[in-house]
PDB file of all heavy atoms in Angstrom:
ATOM      1  N   GLU A   1      87.307 111.228  96.829  1.00  0.00           N
ATOM      2  CA  GLU A   1      86.828 111.693  95.530  1.00  0.00           C
ATOM      3  C   GLU A   1      85.413 111.180  95.251  1.00  0.00           C
ATOM      4  O   GLU A   1      84.583 111.904  94.743  1.00  0.00           O
ATOM      5  CB  GLU A   1      87.775 111.211  94.386  1.00  0.00           C
ATOM      6  CG  GLU A   1      89.027 111.981  94.232  1.00  0.00           C
ATOM      7  CD  GLU A   1      89.810 111.649  93.005  1.00  0.00           C
ATOM      8  OE1 GLU A   1      89.523 110.620  92.420  1.00  0.00           O
ATOM      9  OE2 GLU A   1      90.695 112.429  92.652  1.00  0.00           O
ATOM     10  N   THR A   2      85.215 109.915  95.635  1.00  0.00           N
ATOM     11  CA  THR A   2      83.920 109.304  95.553  1.00  0.00           C
ATOM     12  C   THR A   2      83.685 108.483  96.790  1.00  0.00           C
ATOM     13  O   THR A   2      84.638 107.797  97.252  1.00  0.00           O
ATOM     14  CB  THR A   2      83.751 108.404  94.309  1.00  0.00           C
ATOM     15  OG1 THR A   2      84.028 109.166  93.131  1.00  0.00           O
ATOM     16  CG2 THR A   2      82.357 107.812  94.230  1.00  0.00           C
ATOM     17  N   PHE A   3      82.500 108.560  97.440  1.00  0.00           N
ATOM     18  CA  PHE A   3      82.295 107.801  98.628  1.00  0.00           C
ATOM     19  C   PHE A   3      82.563 106.301  98.452  1.00  0.00           C
ATOM     20  O   PHE A   3      82.010 105.629  97.596  1.00  0.00           O
ATOM     21  CB  PHE A   3      80.811 107.963  99.109  1.00  0.00           C
ATOM     22  CG  PHE A   3      80.514 109.315  99.609  1.00  0.00           C
ATOM     23  CD1 PHE A   3      79.346 109.967  99.164  1.00  0.00           C
ATOM     24  CD2 PHE A   3      81.339 110.027 100.441  1.00  0.00           C
ATOM     25  CE1 PHE A   3      78.985 111.247  99.604  1.00  0.00           C
ATOM     26  CE2 PHE A   3      81.044 111.261 100.956  1.00  0.00           C
ATOM     27  CZ  PHE A   3      79.896 111.840 100.483  1.00  0.00           C
ATOM     28  N   GLU A   4      83.495 105.806  99.246  1.00  0.00           N
ATOM     29  CA  GLU A   4      83.823 104.328  99.217  1.00  0.00           C
ATOM     30  C   GLU A   4      83.842 103.746 100.636  1.00  0.00           C
ATOM     31  O   GLU A   4      83.500 102.587 100.788  1.00  0.00           O
ATOM     32  CB  GLU A   4      85.116 104.058  98.510  1.00  0.00           C
ATOM     33  CG  GLU A   4      85.224 104.443  97.095  1.00  0.00           C
ATOM     34  CD  GLU A   4      86.571 104.088  96.481  1.00  0.00           C
ATOM     35  OE1 GLU A   4      87.023 102.959  96.629  1.00  0.00           O
ATOM     36  OE2 GLU A   4      87.159 104.940  95.806  1.00  0.00           O
ATOM     37  N   LEU A   5      84.303 104.486 101.585  1.00  0.00           N
ATOM     38  CA  LEU A   5      84.481 103.984 102.933  1.00  0.00           C
ATOM     39  C   LEU A   5      83.120 103.788 103.594  1.00  0.00           C
ATOM     40  O   LEU A   5      82.431 104.720 103.865  1.00  0.00           O
ATOM     41  CB  LEU A   5      85.326 104.958 103.751  1.00  0.00           C
ATOM     42  CG  LEU A   5      86.778 105.128 103.368  1.00  0.00           C
ATOM     43  CD1 LEU A   5      87.428 106.303 104.033  1.00  0.00           C
ATOM     44  CD2 LEU A   5      87.563 103.864 103.554  1.00  0.00           C
ATOM     45  N   ALA A   6      82.825 102.509 103.753  1.00  0.00           N
ATOM     46  CA  ALA A   6      81.482 102.221 104.397  1.00  0.00           C
ATOM     47  C   ALA A   6      81.663 102.186 105.889  1.00  0.00           C
ATOM     48  O   ALA A   6      81.682 101.148 106.550  1.00  0.00           O
ATOM     49  CB  ALA A   6      80.957 100.915 103.870  1.00  0.00           C
ATOM     50  N   VAL A   7      81.765 103.394 106.469  1.00  0.00           N
ATOM     51  CA  VAL A   7      82.009 103.440 107.910  1.00  0.00           C
ATOM     52  C   VAL A   7      80.854 104.073 108.556  1.00  0.00           C
ATOM     53  O   VAL A   7      80.266 105.043 108.089  1.00  0.00           O
ATOM     54  CB  VAL A   7      83.290 104.308 108.209  1.00  0.00           C
ATOM     55  CG1 VAL A   7      83.567 104.384 109.693  1.00  0.00           C
ATOM     56  CG2 VAL A   7      84.499 103.710 107.494  1.00  0.00           C
ATOM     57  N   GLU A   8      80.436 103.547 109.711  1.00  0.00           N
ATOM     58  CA  GLU A   8      79.300 104.093 110.480  1.00  0.00           C
ATOM     59  C   GLU A   8      79.822 104.403 111.859  1.00  0.00           C
ATOM     60  O   GLU A   8      80.673 103.732 112.418  1.00  0.00           O
ATOM     61  CB  GLU A   8      78.189 103.063 110.523  1.00  0.00           C
ATOM     62  CG  GLU A   8      77.561 102.771 109.165  1.00  0.00           C
ATOM     63  CD  GLU A   8      76.374 101.770 109.249  1.00  0.00           C
ATOM     64  OE1 GLU A   8      76.157 101.326 110.432  1.00  0.00           O
ATOM     65  OE2 GLU A   8      75.775 101.435 108.264  1.00  0.00           O
ATOM     66  N   GLY A   9      79.280 105.437 112.429  1.00  0.00           N
ATOM     67  CA  GLY A   9      79.633 105.921 113.770  1.00  0.00           C
ATOM     68  C   GLY A   9      78.769 107.006 114.328  1.00  0.00           C
ATOM     69  O   GLY A   9      78.087 107.664 113.484  1.00  0.00           O
ATOM     70  N   PRO A  10      78.818 107.255 115.554  1.00  0.00           N
ATOM     71  CA  PRO A  10      77.954 108.238 116.152  1.00  0.00           C
ATOM     72  C   PRO A  10      78.417 109.649 115.849  1.00  0.00           C
ATOM     73  O   PRO A  10      77.590 110.618 115.929  1.00  0.00           O
ATOM     74  CB  PRO A  10      78.063 107.966 117.664  1.00  0.00           C
ATOM     75  CG  PRO A  10      79.434 107.321 117.835  1.00  0.00           C
ATOM     76  CD  PRO A  10      79.569 106.493 116.615  1.00  0.00           C
ATOM     77  N   ASP A  11      79.637 109.882 115.426  1.00  0.00           N
ATOM     78  CA  ASP A  11      80.188 111.222 115.158  1.00  0.00           C
ATOM     79  C   ASP A  11      81.079 111.138 113.940  1.00  0.00           C
ATOM     80  O   ASP A  11      82.312 111.168 114.023  1.00  0.00           O
ATOM     81  CB  ASP A  11      80.977 111.721 116.402  1.00  0.00           C
ATOM     82  CG  ASP A  11      81.165 113.212 116.342  1.00  0.00           C
ATOM     83  OD1 ASP A  11      80.706 113.900 115.420  1.00  0.00           O
ATOM     84  OD2 ASP A  11      81.720 113.777 117.295  1.00  0.00           O
ATOM     85  N   LEU A  12      80.467 111.056 112.796  1.00  0.00           N
ATOM     86  CA  LEU A  12      81.189 110.843 111.504  1.00  0.00           C
ATOM     87  C   LEU A  12      80.622 111.852 110.464  1.00  0.00           C
ATOM     88  O   LEU A  12      79.440 112.013 110.322  1.00  0.00           O
ATOM     89  CB  LEU A  12      80.973 109.422 111.105  1.00  0.00           C
ATOM     90  CG  LEU A  12      81.493 109.050 109.681  1.00  0.00           C
ATOM     91  CD1 LEU A  12      83.054 108.999 109.722  1.00  0.00           C
ATOM     92  CD2 LEU A  12      80.953 107.729 109.218  1.00  0.00           C
ATOM     93  N   VAL A  13      81.575 112.445 109.762  1.00  0.00           N
ATOM     94  CA  VAL A  13      81.231 113.343 108.616  1.00  0.00           C
ATOM     95  C   VAL A  13      81.959 112.821 107.412  1.00  0.00           C
ATOM     96  O   VAL A  13      83.186 112.684 107.484  1.00  0.00           O
ATOM     97  CB  VAL A  13      81.643 114.800 108.913  1.00  0.00           C
ATOM     98  CG1 VAL A  13      81.304 115.653 107.653  1.00  0.00           C
ATOM     99  CG2 VAL A  13      80.866 115.324 110.101  1.00  0.00           C
ATOM    100  N   SER A  14      81.272 112.557 106.321  1.00  0.00           N
ATOM    101  CA  SER A  14      81.875 112.101 105.065  1.00  0.00           C
ATOM    102  C   SER A  14      81.751 113.132 104.001  1.00  0.00           C
ATOM    103  O   SER A  14      80.637 113.530 103.686  1.00  0.00           O
ATOM    104  CB  SER A  14      81.248 110.790 104.662  1.00  0.00           C
ATOM    105  OG  SER A  14      81.384 109.759 105.640  1.00  0.00           O
ATOM    106  N   LEU A  15      82.895 113.500 103.411  1.00  0.00           N
ATOM    107  CA  LEU A  15      82.882 114.452 102.296  1.00  0.00           C
ATOM    108  C   LEU A  15      83.378 113.824 101.012  1.00  0.00           C
ATOM    109  O   LEU A  15      84.257 112.966 101.056  1.00  0.00           O
ATOM    110  CB  LEU A  15      83.776 115.644 102.697  1.00  0.00           C
ATOM    111  CG  LEU A  15      83.572 116.375 104.036  1.00  0.00           C
ATOM    112  CD1 LEU A  15      84.628 117.411 104.254  1.00  0.00           C
ATOM    113  CD2 LEU A  15      82.188 117.030 104.042  1.00  0.00           C
ATOM    114  N   GLN A  16      82.856 114.216  99.878  1.00  0.00           N
ATOM    115  CA  GLN A  16      83.342 113.795  98.602  1.00  0.00           C
ATOM    116  C   GLN A  16      83.529 114.965  97.669  1.00  0.00           C
ATOM    117  O   GLN A  16      82.765 115.959  97.761  1.00  0.00           O
ATOM    118  CB  GLN A  16      82.432 112.694  98.010  1.00  0.00           C
ATOM    119  CG  GLN A  16      81.128 113.173  97.429  1.00  0.00           C
ATOM    120  CD  GLN A  16      80.442 112.060  96.600  1.00  0.00           C
ATOM    121  OE1 GLN A  16      80.952 111.021  96.396  1.00  0.00           O
ATOM    122  NE2 GLN A  16      79.149 112.352  96.218  1.00  0.00           N
ATOM    123  N   GLY A  17      84.398 114.791  96.711  1.00  0.00           N
ATOM    124  CA  GLY A  17      84.632 115.833  95.707  1.00  0.00           C
ATOM    125  C   GLY A  17      83.550 115.945  94.724  1.00  0.00           C
ATOM    126  O   GLY A  17      82.580 115.146  94.721  1.00  0.00           O
ATOM    127  N   ARG A  18      83.597 116.953  93.818  1.00  0.00           N
ATOM    128  CA  ARG A  18      82.621 117.102  92.806  1.00  0.00           C
ATOM    129  C   ARG A  18      83.294 117.538  91.503  1.00  0.00           C
ATOM    130  O   ARG A  18      84.202 118.351  91.508  1.00  0.00           O
ATOM    131  CB  ARG A  18      81.647 118.271  93.254  1.00  0.00           C
ATOM    132  CG  ARG A  18      80.496 118.473  92.301  1.00  0.00           C
ATOM    133  CD  ARG A  18      79.504 119.458  92.892  1.00  0.00           C
ATOM    134  NE  ARG A  18      80.040 120.795  92.980  1.00  0.00           N
ATOM    135  CZ  ARG A  18      79.526 121.759  93.669  1.00  0.00           C
ATOM    136  NH1 ARG A  18      78.452 121.511  94.422  1.00  0.00           N
ATOM    137  NH2 ARG A  18      80.049 122.930  93.702  1.00  0.00           N
ATOM    138  N   GLN A  19      82.870 116.891  90.425  1.00  0.00           N
ATOM    139  CA  GLN A  19      83.440 117.226  89.112  1.00  0.00           C
ATOM    140  C   GLN A  19      82.906 118.608  88.633  1.00  0.00           C
ATOM    141  O   GLN A  19      81.841 119.047  89.059  1.00  0.00           O
ATOM    142  CB  GLN A  19      83.184 116.121  88.126  1.00  0.00           C
ATOM    143  CG  GLN A  19      81.736 115.969  87.765  1.00  0.00           C
ATOM    144  CD  GLN A  19      81.473 114.725  86.851  1.00  0.00           C
ATOM    145  OE1 GLN A  19      80.524 114.022  87.035  1.00  0.00           O
ATOM    146  NE2 GLN A  19      82.319 114.497  85.898  1.00  0.00           N
ATOM    147  N   ALA A  20      83.662 119.211  87.693  1.00  0.00           N
ATOM    148  CA  ALA A  20      83.204 120.488  87.145  1.00  0.00           C
ATOM    149  C   ALA A  20      81.923 120.332  86.379  1.00  0.00           C
ATOM    150  O   ALA A  20      81.641 119.304  85.803  1.00  0.00           O
ATOM    151  CB  ALA A  20      84.354 121.054  86.336  1.00  0.00           C
ATOM    152  N   SER A  21      81.197 121.460  86.225  1.00  0.00           N
ATOM    153  CA  SER A  21      79.955 121.444  85.446  1.00  0.00           C
ATOM    154  C   SER A  21      80.328 121.543  83.972  1.00  0.00           C
ATOM    155  O   SER A  21      81.499 121.657  83.601  1.00  0.00           O
ATOM    156  CB  SER A  21      79.102 122.642  85.886  1.00  0.00           C
ATOM    157  OG  SER A  21      79.791 123.856  85.528  1.00  0.00           O
ATOM    158  N   LEU A  22      79.281 121.591  83.123  1.00  0.00           N
ATOM    159  CA  LEU A  22      79.528 121.783  81.714  1.00  0.00           C
ATOM    160  C   LEU A  22      80.252 123.036  81.374  1.00  0.00           C
ATOM    161  O   LEU A  22      80.954 123.136  80.399  1.00  0.00           O
ATOM    162  CB  LEU A  22      78.176 121.612  80.936  1.00  0.00           C
ATOM    163  CG  LEU A  22      77.558 120.307  80.906  1.00  0.00           C
ATOM    164  CD1 LEU A  22      76.152 120.435  80.364  1.00  0.00           C
ATOM    165  CD2 LEU A  22      78.337 119.286  80.087  1.00  0.00           C
ATOM    166  N   GLU A  23      80.052 124.045  82.271  1.00  0.00           N
ATOM    167  CA  GLU A  23      80.696 125.337  82.023  1.00  0.00           C
ATOM    168  C   GLU A  23      82.133 125.381  82.612  1.00  0.00           C
ATOM    169  O   GLU A  23      82.798 126.390  82.511  1.00  0.00           O
ATOM    170  CB  GLU A  23      79.880 126.473  82.695  1.00  0.00           C
ATOM    171  CG  GLU A  23      78.522 126.698  82.027  1.00  0.00           C
ATOM    172  CD  GLU A  23      77.487 125.654  82.452  1.00  0.00           C
ATOM    173  OE1 GLU A  23      77.707 125.016  83.482  1.00  0.00           O
ATOM    174  OE2 GLU A  23      76.526 125.475  81.749  1.00  0.00           O
ATOM    175  N   GLY A  24      82.585 124.281  83.206  1.00  0.00           N
ATOM    176  CA  GLY A  24      83.879 124.172  83.773  1.00  0.00           C
ATOM    177  C   GLY A  24      83.961 124.781  85.135  1.00  0.00           C
ATOM    178  O   GLY A  24      85.148 125.056  85.603  1.00  0.00           O
ATOM    179  N   THR A  25      82.918 124.956  85.801  1.00  0.00           N
ATOM    180  CA  THR A  25      82.917 125.601  87.117  1.00  0.00           C
ATOM    181  C   THR A  25      82.298 124.607  88.140  1.00  0.00           C
ATOM    182  O   THR A  25      81.744 123.593  87.787  1.00  0.00           O
ATOM    183  CB  THR A  25      82.121 126.863  87.149  1.00  0.00           C
ATOM    184  OG1 THR A  25      80.747 126.588  86.846  1.00  0.00           O
ATOM    185  CG2 THR A  25      82.694 127.900  86.141  1.00  0.00           C
ATOM    186  N   GLY A  26      82.541 124.944  89.411  1.00  0.00           N
ATOM    187  CA  GLY A  26      81.909 124.176  90.513  1.00  0.00           C
ATOM    188  C   GLY A  26      82.693 122.968  90.911  1.00  0.00           C
ATOM    189  O   GLY A  26      82.208 122.216  91.850  1.00  0.00           O
ATOM    190  N   GLU A  27      83.953 122.769  90.426  1.00  0.00           N
ATOM    191  CA  GLU A  27      84.713 121.583  90.853  1.00  0.00           C
ATOM    192  C   GLU A  27      85.160 121.711  92.328  1.00  0.00           C
ATOM    193  O   GLU A  27      85.576 122.824  92.734  1.00  0.00           O
ATOM    194  CB  GLU A  27      85.935 121.400  89.945  1.00  0.00           C
ATOM    195  CG  GLU A  27      86.787 120.248  90.323  1.00  0.00           C
ATOM    196  CD  GLU A  27      88.039 120.118  89.520  1.00  0.00           C
ATOM    197  OE1 GLU A  27      88.408 121.067  88.787  1.00  0.00           O
ATOM    198  OE2 GLU A  27      88.658 119.010  89.493  1.00  0.00           O
ATOM    199  N   ILE A  28      85.091 120.657  93.053  1.00  0.00           N
ATOM    200  CA  ILE A  28      85.550 120.623  94.413  1.00  0.00           C
ATOM    201  C   ILE A  28      86.670 119.490  94.486  1.00  0.00           C
ATOM    202  O   ILE A  28      86.360 118.315  94.301  1.00  0.00           O
ATOM    203  CB  ILE A  28      84.476 120.308  95.422  1.00  0.00           C
ATOM    204  CG1 ILE A  28      83.442 121.501  95.389  1.00  0.00           C
ATOM    205  CG2 ILE A  28      85.006 120.241  96.845  1.00  0.00           C
ATOM    206  CD1 ILE A  28      82.249 121.246  96.297  1.00  0.00           C
ATOM    207  N   THR A  29      87.884 119.901  94.772  1.00  0.00           N
ATOM    208  CA  THR A  29      89.024 118.974  94.762  1.00  0.00           C
ATOM    209  C   THR A  29      89.272 118.426  96.150  1.00  0.00           C
ATOM    210  O   THR A  29      88.760 118.913  97.203  1.00  0.00           O
ATOM    211  CB  THR A  29      90.304 119.687  94.309  1.00  0.00           C
ATOM    212  OG1 THR A  29      90.642 120.698  95.238  1.00  0.00           O
ATOM    213  CG2 THR A  29      90.068 120.268  92.904  1.00  0.00           C
ATOM    214  N   LEU A  30      90.111 117.402  96.244  1.00  0.00           N
ATOM    215  CA  LEU A  30      90.480 116.826  97.520  1.00  0.00           C
ATOM    216  C   LEU A  30      91.279 117.816  98.338  1.00  0.00           C
ATOM    217  O   LEU A  30      91.071 117.890  99.525  1.00  0.00           O
ATOM    218  CB  LEU A  30      91.318 115.573  97.299  1.00  0.00           C
ATOM    219  CG  LEU A  30      90.589 114.278  96.917  1.00  0.00           C
ATOM    220  CD1 LEU A  30      91.587 113.184  96.805  1.00  0.00           C
ATOM    221  CD2 LEU A  30      89.541 113.917  97.936  1.00  0.00           C
ATOM    222  N   ARG A  31      92.075 118.652  97.679  1.00  0.00           N
ATOM    223  CA  ARG A  31      92.795 119.635  98.445  1.00  0.00           C
ATOM    224  C   ARG A  31      91.872 120.638  99.161  1.00  0.00           C
ATOM    225  O   ARG A  31      92.065 120.996 100.322  1.00  0.00           O
ATOM    226  CB  ARG A  31      93.702 120.445  97.508  1.00  0.00           C
ATOM    227  CG  ARG A  31      94.800 119.634  96.796  1.00  0.00           C
ATOM    228  CD  ARG A  31      95.881 120.503  96.271  1.00  0.00           C
ATOM    229  NE  ARG A  31      96.648 121.156  97.371  1.00  0.00           N
ATOM    230  CZ  ARG A  31      97.594 122.056  97.155  1.00  0.00           C
ATOM    231  NH1 ARG A  31      97.895 122.414  95.930  1.00  0.00           N
ATOM    232  NH2 ARG A  31      98.199 122.598  98.216  1.00  0.00           N
ATOM    233  N   ARG A  32      90.786 121.032  98.520  1.00  0.00           N
ATOM    234  CA  ARG A  32      89.818 121.903  99.077  1.00  0.00           C
ATOM    235  C   ARG A  32      89.144 121.175 100.269  1.00  0.00           C
ATOM    236  O   ARG A  32      88.907 121.768 101.373  1.00  0.00           O
ATOM    237  CB  ARG A  32      88.803 122.376  98.065  1.00  0.00           C
ATOM    238  CG  ARG A  32      87.522 123.046  98.612  1.00  0.00           C
ATOM    239  CD  ARG A  32      87.888 124.498  99.083  1.00  0.00           C
ATOM    240  NE  ARG A  32      86.707 125.126  99.603  1.00  0.00           N
ATOM    241  CZ  ARG A  32      85.796 125.733  98.841  1.00  0.00           C
ATOM    242  NH1 ARG A  32      85.888 125.775  97.476  1.00  0.00           N
ATOM    243  NH2 ARG A  32      84.713 126.302  99.410  1.00  0.00           N
ATOM    244  N   LEU A  33      88.789 119.908 100.064  1.00  0.00           N
ATOM    245  CA  LEU A  33      88.099 119.205 101.103  1.00  0.00           C
ATOM    246  C   LEU A  33      88.917 118.952 102.369  1.00  0.00           C
ATOM    247  O   LEU A  33      88.386 119.066 103.472  1.00  0.00           O
ATOM    248  CB  LEU A  33      87.642 117.792 100.532  1.00  0.00           C
ATOM    249  CG  LEU A  33      86.465 117.894  99.501  1.00  0.00           C
ATOM    250  CD1 LEU A  33      86.177 116.472  99.004  1.00  0.00           C
ATOM    251  CD2 LEU A  33      85.212 118.497 100.079  1.00  0.00           C
ATOM    252  N   VAL A  34      90.213 118.734 102.160  1.00  0.00           N
ATOM    253  CA  VAL A  34      91.088 118.533 103.342  1.00  0.00           C
ATOM    254  C   VAL A  34      91.111 119.807 104.179  1.00  0.00           C
ATOM    255  O   VAL A  34      90.983 119.806 105.391  1.00  0.00           O
ATOM    256  CB  VAL A  34      92.487 118.156 102.861  1.00  0.00           C
ATOM    257  CG1 VAL A  34      93.479 118.229 104.102  1.00  0.00           C
ATOM    258  CG2 VAL A  34      92.483 116.785 102.262  1.00  0.00           C
ATOM    259  N   LYS A  35      91.193 120.946 103.513  1.00  0.00           N
ATOM    260  CA  LYS A  35      91.193 122.241 104.218  1.00  0.00           C
ATOM    261  C   LYS A  35      89.908 122.520 104.962  1.00  0.00           C
ATOM    262  O   LYS A  35      89.849 122.993 106.054  1.00  0.00           O
ATOM    263  CB  LYS A  35      91.508 123.368 103.247  1.00  0.00           C
ATOM    264  CG  LYS A  35      92.927 123.292 102.660  1.00  0.00           C
ATOM    265  CD  LYS A  35      93.104 124.341 101.571  1.00  0.00           C
ATOM    266  CE  LYS A  35      94.461 124.214 100.893  1.00  0.00           C
ATOM    267  NZ  LYS A  35      94.620 125.078  99.695  1.00  0.00           N
ATOM    268  N   GLU A  36      88.740 122.155 104.268  1.00  0.00           N
ATOM    269  CA  GLU A  36      87.504 122.331 104.910  1.00  0.00           C
ATOM    270  C   GLU A  36      87.297 121.360 106.073  1.00  0.00           C
ATOM    271  O   GLU A  36      86.644 121.715 107.137  1.00  0.00           O
ATOM    272  CB  GLU A  36      86.354 122.073 103.892  1.00  0.00           C
ATOM    273  CG  GLU A  36      86.333 123.061 102.718  1.00  0.00           C
ATOM    274  CD  GLU A  36      86.117 124.501 103.181  1.00  0.00           C
ATOM    275  OE1 GLU A  36      85.424 124.698 104.201  1.00  0.00           O
ATOM    276  OE2 GLU A  36      86.512 125.450 102.516  1.00  0.00           O
ATOM    277  N   ALA A  37      87.813 120.149 105.940  1.00  0.00           N
ATOM    278  CA  ALA A  37      87.673 119.173 106.983  1.00  0.00           C
ATOM    279  C   ALA A  37      88.332 119.581 108.310  1.00  0.00           C
ATOM    280  O   ALA A  37      87.811 119.286 109.410  1.00  0.00           O
ATOM    281  CB  ALA A  37      88.285 117.813 106.550  1.00  0.00           C
ATOM    282  N   LEU A  38      89.437 120.359 108.189  1.00  0.00           N
ATOM    283  CA  LEU A  38      90.119 120.824 109.393  1.00  0.00           C
ATOM    284  C   LEU A  38      89.263 121.813 110.222  1.00  0.00           C
ATOM    285  O   LEU A  38      89.562 122.065 111.338  1.00  0.00           O
ATOM    286  CB  LEU A  38      91.435 121.457 108.990  1.00  0.00           C
ATOM    287  CG  LEU A  38      92.546 120.501 108.564  1.00  0.00           C
ATOM    288  CD1 LEU A  38      93.749 121.263 108.044  1.00  0.00           C
ATOM    289  CD2 LEU A  38      92.908 119.538 109.735  1.00  0.00           C
ATOM    290  N   ARG A  39      88.268 122.427 109.545  1.00  0.00           N
ATOM    291  CA  ARG A  39      87.409 123.384 110.251  1.00  0.00           C
ATOM    292  C   ARG A  39      86.242 122.701 110.929  1.00  0.00           C
ATOM    293  O   ARG A  39      85.359 123.324 111.484  1.00  0.00           O
ATOM    294  CB  ARG A  39      86.881 124.421 109.243  1.00  0.00           C
ATOM    295  CG  ARG A  39      87.954 125.235 108.571  1.00  0.00           C
ATOM    296  CD  ARG A  39      87.386 126.339 107.716  1.00  0.00           C
ATOM    297  NE  ARG A  39      88.362 127.208 107.171  1.00  0.00           N
ATOM    298  CZ  ARG A  39      88.875 127.165 105.931  1.00  0.00           C
ATOM    299  NH1 ARG A  39      88.386 126.198 105.133  1.00  0.00           N
ATOM    300  NH2 ARG A  39      89.785 127.971 105.490  1.00  0.00           N
ATOM    301  N   MET A  40      86.219 121.360 110.816  1.00  0.00           N
ATOM    302  CA  MET A  40      85.043 120.589 111.402  1.00  0.00           C
ATOM    303  C   MET A  40      85.421 119.881 112.738  1.00  0.00           C
ATOM    304  O   MET A  40      84.729 118.957 113.121  1.00  0.00           O
ATOM    305  CB  MET A  40      84.588 119.531 110.395  1.00  0.00           C
ATOM    306  CG  MET A  40      84.111 120.133 109.102  1.00  0.00           C
ATOM    307  SD  MET A  40      83.440 118.890 107.976  1.00  0.00           S
ATOM    308  CE  MET A  40      82.837 119.956 106.618  1.00  0.00           C
TER     309      MET A  40
END
């Protein structure tokens, strides 16, 4: 949800969620990120 894992490595991708905008759009949930991570 928020970057916490202080991990470094030669082949590492770190993703974090995003809260919705003032209009209530643009939110990125952990469920969405897990699905996207599988494509990486």
